[in-house]
Amino acid sequence: MKMGPPTPILRMFDEALARAFYVDFLGFTVDWEHRFEPGLPLYLQVSKGDCILHLSGHHGDATPGSHVRVACGDLRSYQQGLLAKKYAHARPGVEEAPWGLDMTVADPFGNRLTFTQPSSD
């Protein structure tokens, strides 16, 4: 049996804030959206390259405050692009770690994404 990479589900509370952070700021694309019926919480998939995340407004899907690590390349360039957007709620820095470079960004719901560039890149 072959398994693929996991798809993290992150809790969100406000659709507009989620789109502003994940799409406008981080540069993810909305792949699809689902509601069981009008007025119910949104469940959607966003992606950037090979990174796929699910964002859910459903209370039972995830716990706020989760932390996801995302492997990437050219982290310093990505960071400079984010800083150039002058997003009011984040000015992420890049830190050196024994395994490479890390940049952690918190979303508006308390979840954290750490973008990691391994030393070999």
N, C-alpha and C. Protein backbone atom coordinates (compact mmCIF):
# COMPACT_ATOMS: atom_id res chain seq x y z
N MET A 1 0.84 -1.18 0.00
CA MET A 1 0.00 0.00 0.00
C MET A 1 0.89 1.24 0.00
N LYS A 2 0.62 2.16 -0.91
CA LYS A 2 1.34 3.42 -0.97
C LYS A 2 0.51 4.51 -0.30
N MET A 3 1.17 5.35 0.49
CA MET A 3 0.49 6.48 1.13
C MET A 3 1.05 7.77 0.59
N GLY A 4 0.20 8.77 0.51
CA GLY A 4 0.63 10.10 0.10
C GLY A 4 0.90 10.96 1.31
N PRO A 5 1.31 12.19 1.08
CA PRO A 5 1.56 13.09 2.22
C PRO A 5 0.25 13.44 2.91
N PRO A 6 0.30 13.74 4.20
CA PRO A 6 -0.92 14.14 4.92
C PRO A 6 -1.40 15.50 4.45
N THR A 7 -2.70 15.73 4.61
CA THR A 7 -3.28 17.04 4.32
C THR A 7 -3.78 17.62 5.64
N PRO A 8 -3.07 18.60 6.19
CA PRO A 8 -3.51 19.19 7.45
C PRO A 8 -4.83 19.93 7.29
N ILE A 9 -5.67 19.85 8.33
CA ILE A 9 -6.90 20.63 8.40
C ILE A 9 -6.69 21.68 9.48
N LEU A 10 -6.83 22.94 9.11
CA LEU A 10 -6.65 24.04 10.05
C LEU A 10 -7.98 24.74 10.28
N ARG A 11 -8.25 25.07 11.52
CA ARG A 11 -9.51 25.70 11.89
C ARG A 11 -9.47 27.17 11.52
N MET A 12 -10.58 27.67 10.99
CA MET A 12 -10.74 29.10 10.70
C MET A 12 -12.08 29.54 11.26
N PHE A 13 -12.19 30.84 11.53
CA PHE A 13 -13.43 31.39 12.10
C PHE A 13 -14.05 32.47 11.23
N ASP A 14 -13.31 32.96 10.25
CA ASP A 14 -13.79 34.06 9.43
C ASP A 14 -13.27 33.86 8.01
N GLU A 15 -14.19 33.71 7.07
CA GLU A 15 -13.80 33.42 5.69
C GLU A 15 -12.99 34.55 5.06
N ALA A 16 -13.39 35.78 5.29
CA ALA A 16 -12.67 36.91 4.70
C ALA A 16 -11.24 37.00 5.24
N LEU A 17 -11.07 36.80 6.54
CA LEU A 17 -9.72 36.82 7.12
C LEU A 17 -8.88 35.66 6.59
N ALA A 18 -9.50 34.50 6.43
CA ALA A 18 -8.77 33.33 5.90
C ALA A 18 -8.29 33.61 4.48
N ARG A 19 -9.13 34.16 3.65
CA ARG A 19 -8.75 34.47 2.27
C ARG A 19 -7.66 35.56 2.23
N ALA A 20 -7.81 36.57 3.07
CA ALA A 20 -6.81 37.64 3.10
C ALA A 20 -5.44 37.10 3.49
N PHE A 21 -5.41 36.16 4.43
CA PHE A 21 -4.14 35.61 4.89
C PHE A 21 -3.58 34.58 3.92
N TYR A 22 -4.35 33.55 3.63
CA TYR A 22 -3.82 32.43 2.84
C TYR A 22 -3.69 32.75 1.35
N VAL A 23 -4.64 33.49 0.79
CA VAL A 23 -4.62 33.78 -0.65
C VAL A 23 -3.86 35.08 -0.93
N ASP A 24 -4.32 36.18 -0.34
CA ASP A 24 -3.72 37.48 -0.65
C ASP A 24 -2.31 37.61 -0.10
N PHE A 25 -2.07 37.17 1.13
CA PHE A 25 -0.76 37.34 1.75
C PHE A 25 0.20 36.20 1.39
N LEU A 26 -0.15 34.95 1.70
CA LEU A 26 0.78 33.85 1.47
C LEU A 26 0.84 33.40 0.02
N GLY A 27 -0.15 33.75 -0.79
CA GLY A 27 -0.11 33.41 -2.21
C GLY A 27 -0.66 32.04 -2.56
N PHE A 28 -1.46 31.46 -1.68
CA PHE A 28 -2.11 30.18 -1.99
C PHE A 28 -3.26 30.42 -2.96
N THR A 29 -3.70 29.36 -3.61
CA THR A 29 -4.84 29.39 -4.53
C THR A 29 -5.97 28.57 -3.92
N VAL A 30 -7.20 29.04 -4.03
CA VAL A 30 -8.36 28.25 -3.60
C VAL A 30 -8.64 27.23 -4.68
N ASP A 31 -8.54 25.94 -4.33
CA ASP A 31 -8.78 24.86 -5.29
C ASP A 31 -10.26 24.49 -5.37
N TRP A 32 -10.91 24.44 -4.23
CA TRP A 32 -12.35 24.16 -4.19
C TRP A 32 -12.91 24.57 -2.84
N GLU A 33 -14.23 24.72 -2.80
CA GLU A 33 -14.96 25.10 -1.59
C GLU A 33 -16.16 24.18 -1.45
N HIS A 34 -16.58 23.94 -0.19
CA HIS A 34 -17.76 23.10 0.04
C HIS A 34 -18.53 23.60 1.26
N ARG A 35 -19.86 23.62 1.11
CA ARG A 35 -20.79 23.85 2.21
C ARG A 35 -21.87 22.78 2.09
N PHE A 36 -22.31 22.25 3.22
CA PHE A 36 -23.39 21.26 3.17
C PHE A 36 -24.69 21.91 2.73
N GLU A 37 -24.87 23.18 3.10
CA GLU A 37 -26.01 23.97 2.63
C GLU A 37 -25.72 25.43 2.96
N PRO A 38 -26.45 26.36 2.33
CA PRO A 38 -26.21 27.79 2.59
C PRO A 38 -26.31 28.10 4.09
N GLY A 39 -25.41 28.93 4.55
CA GLY A 39 -25.42 29.33 5.95
C GLY A 39 -24.58 28.45 6.86
N LEU A 40 -24.15 27.30 6.38
CA LEU A 40 -23.30 26.43 7.18
C LEU A 40 -21.83 26.78 6.95
N PRO A 41 -20.95 26.33 7.85
CA PRO A 41 -19.53 26.70 7.72
C PRO A 41 -18.91 26.23 6.41
N LEU A 42 -17.89 26.96 6.02
CA LEU A 42 -17.14 26.67 4.80
C LEU A 42 -16.02 25.68 5.08
N TYR A 43 -15.78 24.80 4.13
CA TYR A 43 -14.63 23.89 4.13
C TYR A 43 -13.98 24.09 2.77
N LEU A 44 -12.68 24.40 2.74
CA LEU A 44 -12.05 24.63 1.46
C LEU A 44 -10.63 24.11 1.43
N GLN A 45 -10.14 23.93 0.22
CA GLN A 45 -8.76 23.52 0.00
C GLN A 45 -8.01 24.65 -0.65
N VAL A 46 -6.82 24.95 -0.09
CA VAL A 46 -5.92 25.92 -0.70
C VAL A 46 -4.59 25.21 -0.98
N SER A 47 -3.89 25.69 -2.00
CA SER A 47 -2.60 25.07 -2.32
C SER A 47 -1.64 26.10 -2.87
N LYS A 48 -0.37 25.79 -2.71
CA LYS A 48 0.72 26.57 -3.29
C LYS A 48 1.80 25.55 -3.62
N GLY A 49 2.06 25.35 -4.90
CA GLY A 49 2.99 24.29 -5.29
C GLY A 49 2.44 22.95 -4.84
N ASP A 50 3.27 22.16 -4.17
CA ASP A 50 2.86 20.85 -3.68
C ASP A 50 2.22 20.90 -2.29
N CYS A 51 2.16 22.07 -1.69
CA CYS A 51 1.58 22.21 -0.35
C CYS A 51 0.07 22.34 -0.46
N ILE A 52 -0.64 21.43 0.19
CA ILE A 52 -2.11 21.44 0.21
C ILE A 52 -2.56 21.57 1.66
N LEU A 53 -3.47 22.50 1.91
CA LEU A 53 -4.06 22.69 3.24
C LEU A 53 -5.57 22.71 3.11
N HIS A 54 -6.24 22.18 4.11
CA HIS A 54 -7.69 22.31 4.21
C HIS A 54 -7.98 23.29 5.33
N LEU A 55 -8.89 24.21 5.09
CA LEU A 55 -9.33 25.18 6.08
C LEU A 55 -10.80 24.90 6.38
N SER A 56 -11.13 24.82 7.65
CA SER A 56 -12.49 24.45 8.02
C SER A 56 -13.09 25.38 9.05
N GLY A 57 -14.33 25.75 8.82
CA GLY A 57 -15.11 26.50 9.79
C GLY A 57 -15.92 25.59 10.70
N HIS A 58 -15.84 24.28 10.51
CA HIS A 58 -16.60 23.32 11.31
C HIS A 58 -15.89 23.09 12.65
N HIS A 59 -16.61 23.24 13.74
CA HIS A 59 -16.00 23.17 15.07
C HIS A 59 -15.36 21.83 15.38
N GLY A 60 -15.79 20.76 14.80
CA GLY A 60 -15.24 19.45 15.13
C GLY A 60 -14.06 19.01 14.27
N ASP A 61 -13.68 19.83 13.30
CA ASP A 61 -12.64 19.40 12.36
C ASP A 61 -11.21 19.61 12.84
N ALA A 62 -10.97 20.62 13.63
CA ALA A 62 -9.60 20.92 14.02
C ALA A 62 -9.59 21.81 15.25
N THR A 63 -8.45 21.87 15.89
CA THR A 63 -8.27 22.69 17.08
C THR A 63 -7.47 23.93 16.73
N PRO A 64 -7.95 25.11 17.07
CA PRO A 64 -7.15 26.32 16.82
C PRO A 64 -5.81 26.21 17.54
N GLY A 65 -4.79 26.77 16.95
CA GLY A 65 -3.47 26.73 17.56
C GLY A 65 -2.60 25.60 17.04
N SER A 66 -3.00 24.98 15.95
CA SER A 66 -2.19 23.91 15.37
C SER A 66 -0.94 24.50 14.74
N HIS A 67 0.04 23.63 14.49
CA HIS A 67 1.31 24.06 13.91
C HIS A 67 1.67 23.10 12.79
N VAL A 68 1.94 23.63 11.61
CA VAL A 68 2.26 22.84 10.42
C VAL A 68 3.63 23.27 9.92
N ARG A 69 4.44 22.30 9.54
CA ARG A 69 5.76 22.59 8.96
C ARG A 69 5.67 22.30 7.46
N VAL A 70 6.13 23.26 6.64
CA VAL A 70 6.05 23.14 5.19
C VAL A 70 7.46 23.25 4.60
N ALA A 71 7.92 22.20 3.95
CA ALA A 71 9.24 22.23 3.31
C ALA A 71 9.16 23.10 2.05
N CYS A 72 10.17 23.91 1.84
CA CYS A 72 10.19 24.78 0.67
C CYS A 72 11.63 25.13 0.31
N GLY A 73 11.77 25.73 -0.83
CA GLY A 73 13.07 26.21 -1.27
C GLY A 73 13.02 27.72 -1.40
N ASP A 74 14.17 28.36 -1.47
CA ASP A 74 14.29 29.80 -1.65
C ASP A 74 13.45 30.58 -0.64
N LEU A 75 13.62 30.23 0.62
CA LEU A 75 12.82 30.82 1.69
C LEU A 75 13.05 32.32 1.83
N ARG A 76 14.28 32.76 1.68
CA ARG A 76 14.55 34.20 1.85
C ARG A 76 13.83 35.03 0.78
N SER A 77 13.75 34.52 -0.43
CA SER A 77 13.03 35.22 -1.49
C SER A 77 11.53 35.27 -1.18
N TYR A 78 10.97 34.16 -0.69
CA TYR A 78 9.56 34.12 -0.32
C TYR A 78 9.30 35.14 0.79
N GLN A 79 10.19 35.19 1.79
CA GLN A 79 10.04 36.13 2.89
C GLN A 79 10.05 37.57 2.38
N GLN A 80 10.95 37.89 1.47
CA GLN A 80 11.03 39.25 0.95
C GLN A 80 9.75 39.63 0.19
N GLY A 81 9.19 38.66 -0.54
CA GLY A 81 7.92 38.90 -1.23
C GLY A 81 6.79 39.16 -0.26
N LEU A 82 6.78 38.43 0.86
CA LEU A 82 5.74 38.65 1.88
C LEU A 82 5.90 40.01 2.53
N LEU A 83 7.12 40.37 2.88
CA LEU A 83 7.36 41.67 3.50
C LEU A 83 6.95 42.82 2.57
N ALA A 84 7.15 42.65 1.27
CA ALA A 84 6.80 43.69 0.30
C ALA A 84 5.29 43.93 0.24
N LYS A 85 4.50 42.96 0.66
CA LYS A 85 3.04 43.12 0.64
C LYS A 85 2.55 44.01 1.78
N LYS A 86 3.40 44.25 2.77
CA LYS A 86 3.06 45.11 3.91
C LYS A 86 1.75 44.68 4.57
N TYR A 87 1.60 43.36 4.76
CA TYR A 87 0.44 42.80 5.46
C TYR A 87 0.45 43.33 6.89
N ALA A 88 -0.66 43.87 7.33
CA ALA A 88 -0.71 44.55 8.62
C ALA A 88 -0.47 43.65 9.83
N HIS A 89 -0.67 42.34 9.68
CA HIS A 89 -0.64 41.46 10.85
C HIS A 89 0.55 40.52 10.91
N ALA A 90 1.53 40.67 10.01
CA ALA A 90 2.69 39.78 10.06
C ALA A 90 3.87 40.39 9.32
N ARG A 91 5.01 40.30 9.94
CA ARG A 91 6.28 40.67 9.33
C ARG A 91 7.24 39.52 9.64
N PRO A 92 7.10 38.39 8.92
CA PRO A 92 7.87 37.20 9.29
C PRO A 92 9.37 37.35 9.07
N GLY A 93 10.12 36.79 9.99
CA GLY A 93 11.57 36.77 9.88
C GLY A 93 12.06 35.36 9.59
N VAL A 94 13.24 35.25 9.06
CA VAL A 94 13.86 33.96 8.79
C VAL A 94 14.90 33.70 9.87
N GLU A 95 14.85 32.50 10.44
CA GLU A 95 15.80 32.11 11.49
C GLU A 95 16.63 30.94 11.01
N GLU A 96 17.90 30.94 11.40
CA GLU A 96 18.76 29.80 11.10
C GLU A 96 18.53 28.74 12.16
N ALA A 97 18.43 27.49 11.71
CA ALA A 97 18.24 26.34 12.59
C ALA A 97 19.28 25.28 12.21
N PRO A 98 19.52 24.30 13.06
CA PRO A 98 20.49 23.26 12.72
C PRO A 98 20.17 22.53 11.41
N TRP A 99 18.92 22.46 11.02
CA TRP A 99 18.50 21.74 9.82
C TRP A 99 18.36 22.64 8.59
N GLY A 100 18.48 23.96 8.77
CA GLY A 100 18.34 24.88 7.64
C GLY A 100 17.77 26.21 8.09
N LEU A 101 16.81 26.72 7.33
CA LEU A 101 16.17 28.01 7.63
C LEU A 101 14.70 27.79 7.95
N ASP A 102 14.17 28.55 8.90
CA ASP A 102 12.76 28.50 9.28
C ASP A 102 12.16 29.89 9.26
N MET A 103 10.91 29.95 8.83
CA MET A 103 10.13 31.19 8.90
C MET A 103 8.73 30.80 9.38
N THR A 104 8.36 31.27 10.57
CA THR A 104 7.06 30.94 11.14
C THR A 104 6.12 32.13 11.04
N VAL A 105 4.90 31.85 10.57
CA VAL A 105 3.87 32.86 10.41
C VAL A 105 2.60 32.35 11.10
N ALA A 106 1.97 33.18 11.90
CA ALA A 106 0.71 32.81 12.55
C ALA A 106 -0.46 33.34 11.74
N ASP A 107 -1.47 32.49 11.54
CA ASP A 107 -2.67 32.95 10.83
C ASP A 107 -3.58 33.68 11.80
N PRO A 108 -4.66 34.28 11.32
CA PRO A 108 -5.55 35.05 12.20
C PRO A 108 -6.29 34.22 13.24
N PHE A 109 -6.15 32.89 13.20
CA PHE A 109 -6.90 32.00 14.08
C PHE A 109 -6.01 31.28 15.08
N GLY A 110 -4.74 31.68 15.16
CA GLY A 110 -3.82 31.08 16.11
C GLY A 110 -3.05 29.88 15.60
N ASN A 111 -3.29 29.48 14.36
CA ASN A 111 -2.51 28.40 13.77
C ASN A 111 -1.18 28.95 13.31
N ARG A 112 -0.14 28.13 13.31
CA ARG A 112 1.17 28.58 12.86
C ARG A 112 1.65 27.70 11.71
N LEU A 113 2.26 28.34 10.73
CA LEU A 113 2.90 27.64 9.62
C LEU A 113 4.38 27.97 9.66
N THR A 114 5.21 26.95 9.72
CA THR A 114 6.65 27.14 9.67
C THR A 114 7.13 26.65 8.31
N PHE A 115 7.59 27.58 7.51
CA PHE A 115 8.16 27.26 6.21
C PHE A 115 9.64 26.95 6.44
N THR A 116 10.10 25.80 5.97
CA THR A 116 11.44 25.30 6.26
C THR A 116 12.20 25.04 4.98
N GLN A 117 13.39 25.59 4.90
CA GLN A 117 14.30 25.30 3.79
C GLN A 117 15.44 24.47 4.36
N PRO A 118 15.53 23.20 3.95
CA PRO A 118 16.61 22.34 4.47
C PRO A 118 17.98 22.89 4.08
N SER A 119 19.00 22.57 4.88
CA SER A 119 20.36 23.04 4.64
C SER A 119 20.88 22.68 3.26
N SER A 120 20.43 21.57 2.70
CA SER A 120 20.95 21.10 1.42
C SER A 120 20.46 21.93 0.24
N ASP A 121 19.43 22.78 0.42
CA ASP A 121 18.91 23.59 -0.70
C ASP A 121 19.78 24.78 -0.97
